Amino acid sequence: MTNNRFVVTRESKDEILDLDNFVCDESKQVIGYIEDVIGPIGDPMYIIGLYPEFRWKQLEEHKGYDNFL
């Protein structure tokens, strides 16, 4: 993760995300959005932009960034 952005792959091959889709954490709180889609059409990767409020909250609570999607 750099500058409030990180790259993720999708878990389900049936679900395709698009630009500006919201990204939620496990508690359904919106934490960011799909900033860009990269890679092949059949196996895309997503650049997630985190909202600054969420990033600071995570840092204060010392939580990891491994349970986003």
C-alpha atoms as a PDB file:
ATOM      1  CA  MET A   1       0.000   0.000   0.000  1.00  0.00           C
ATOM      2  CA  THR A   2       1.310   3.426  -0.928  1.00  0.00           C
ATOM      3  CA  ASN A   3      -0.272   6.864  -0.762  1.00  0.00           C
ATOM      4  CA  ASN A   4      -3.667   5.530   0.353  1.00  0.00           C
ATOM      5  CA  ARG A   5      -3.813   3.071  -2.573  1.00  0.00           C
ATOM      6  CA  PHE A   6      -3.275  -0.650  -2.980  1.00  0.00           C
ATOM      7  CA  VAL A   7      -3.901  -3.398  -5.536  1.00  0.00           C
ATOM      8  CA  VAL A   8      -6.243  -6.345  -4.944  1.00  0.00           C
ATOM      9  CA  THR A   9      -7.525  -9.254  -6.993  1.00  0.00           C
ATOM     10  CA  ARG A  10     -11.070 -10.538  -6.888  1.00  0.00           C
ATOM     11  CA  GLU A  11     -12.064 -13.675  -5.014  1.00  0.00           C
ATOM     12  CA  SER A  12     -15.078 -14.611  -7.126  1.00  0.00           C
ATOM     13  CA  LYS A  13     -14.682 -15.030 -10.870  1.00  0.00           C
ATOM     14  CA  ASP A  14     -18.437 -14.304 -11.205  1.00  0.00           C
ATOM     15  CA  GLU A  15     -18.161 -10.769  -9.843  1.00  0.00           C
ATOM     16  CA  ILE A  16     -16.633  -7.913 -11.823  1.00  0.00           C
ATOM     17  CA  LEU A  17     -16.180  -4.495 -10.252  1.00  0.00           C
ATOM     18  CA  ASP A  18     -16.092  -1.194 -12.123  1.00  0.00           C
ATOM     19  CA  LEU A  19     -14.532   2.216 -11.639  1.00  0.00           C
ATOM     20  CA  ASP A  20     -15.919   4.209  -8.722  1.00  0.00           C
ATOM     21  CA  ASN A  21     -17.617   1.185  -7.086  1.00  0.00           C
ATOM     22  CA  PHE A  22     -17.486   1.563  -3.311  1.00  0.00           C
ATOM     23  CA  VAL A  23     -15.307  -0.762  -1.229  1.00  0.00           C
ATOM     24  CA  CYS A  24     -16.538  -1.773   2.247  1.00  0.00           C
ATOM     25  CA  ASP A  25     -14.909  -3.462   5.216  1.00  0.00           C
ATOM     26  CA  GLU A  26     -16.404  -6.459   7.038  1.00  0.00           C
ATOM     27  CA  SER A  27     -18.762  -4.200   9.016  1.00  0.00           C
ATOM     28  CA  LYS A  28     -20.154  -2.727   5.740  1.00  0.00           C
ATOM     29  CA  GLN A  29     -18.515   0.673   6.367  1.00  0.00           C
ATOM     30  CA  VAL A  30     -17.434   2.354   3.119  1.00  0.00           C
ATOM     31  CA  ILE A  31     -13.641   2.699   3.249  1.00  0.00           C
ATOM     32  CA  GLY A  32     -12.758   3.565  -0.334  1.00  0.00           C
ATOM     33  CA  TYR A  33     -13.496   3.106  -4.009  1.00  0.00           C
ATOM     34  CA  ILE A  34     -12.218   1.368  -7.155  1.00  0.00           C
ATOM     35  CA  GLU A  35      -9.796   3.899  -8.606  1.00  0.00           C
ATOM     36  CA  ASP A  36      -8.577   1.888 -11.594  1.00  0.00           C
ATOM     37  CA  VAL A  37      -8.826  -1.567 -13.176  1.00  0.00           C
ATOM     38  CA  ILE A  38      -5.638  -3.157 -14.557  1.00  0.00           C
ATOM     39  CA  GLY A  39      -4.629  -6.482 -16.045  1.00  0.00           C
ATOM     40  CA  PRO A  40      -6.382  -8.868 -18.419  1.00  0.00           C
ATOM     41  CA  ILE A  41     -10.160  -8.802 -18.827  1.00  0.00           C
ATOM     42  CA  GLY A  42     -10.507 -12.388 -17.565  1.00  0.00           C
ATOM     43  CA  ASP A  43      -8.507 -11.763 -14.381  1.00  0.00           C
ATOM     44  CA  PRO A  44      -8.530  -8.054 -13.523  1.00  0.00           C
ATOM     45  CA  MET A  45      -6.811  -6.395 -10.576  1.00  0.00           C
ATOM     46  CA  TYR A  46      -8.236  -3.361  -8.849  1.00  0.00           C
ATOM     47  CA  ILE A  47      -6.480  -0.294  -7.502  1.00  0.00           C
ATOM     48  CA  ILE A  48      -8.328   0.706  -4.352  1.00  0.00           C
ATOM     49  CA  GLY A  49      -8.220   4.307  -3.153  1.00  0.00           C
ATOM     50  CA  LEU A  50      -8.798   4.582   0.604  1.00  0.00           C
ATOM     51  CA  TYR A  51     -10.662   7.520   2.044  1.00  0.00           C
ATOM     52  CA  PRO A  52      -8.294   9.480   4.332  1.00  0.00           C
ATOM     53  CA  GLU A  53     -10.650   9.220   7.326  1.00  0.00           C
ATOM     54  CA  PHE A  54     -10.516   5.432   7.183  1.00  0.00           C
ATOM     55  CA  ARG A  55      -6.732   5.317   6.788  1.00  0.00           C
ATOM     56  CA  TRP A  56      -6.170   7.418   9.913  1.00  0.00           C
ATOM     57  CA  LYS A  57      -8.699   5.384  11.875  1.00  0.00           C
ATOM     58  CA  GLN A  58      -6.884   2.159  10.906  1.00  0.00           C
ATOM     59  CA  LEU A  59      -3.514   3.579  11.881  1.00  0.00           C
ATOM     60  CA  GLU A  60      -4.830   4.766  15.252  1.00  0.00           C
ATOM     61  CA  GLU A  61      -6.311   1.333  16.007  1.00  0.00           C
ATOM     62  CA  HIS A  62      -3.238  -0.509  14.620  1.00  0.00           C
ATOM     63  CA  LYS A  63      -5.356  -2.657  12.318  1.00  0.00           C
ATOM     64  CA  GLY A  64      -4.030  -4.342   9.205  1.00  0.00           C
ATOM     65  CA  TYR A  65      -5.147  -3.888   5.643  1.00  0.00           C
ATOM     66  CA  ASP A  66      -5.780  -7.531   4.815  1.00  0.00           C
ATOM     67  CA  ASN A  67      -9.577  -7.832   5.236  1.00  0.00           C
ATOM     68  CA  PHE A  68     -11.011  -5.309   2.817  1.00  0.00           C
ATOM     69  CA  LEU A  69     -13.005  -7.058   0.126  1.00  0.00           C
END
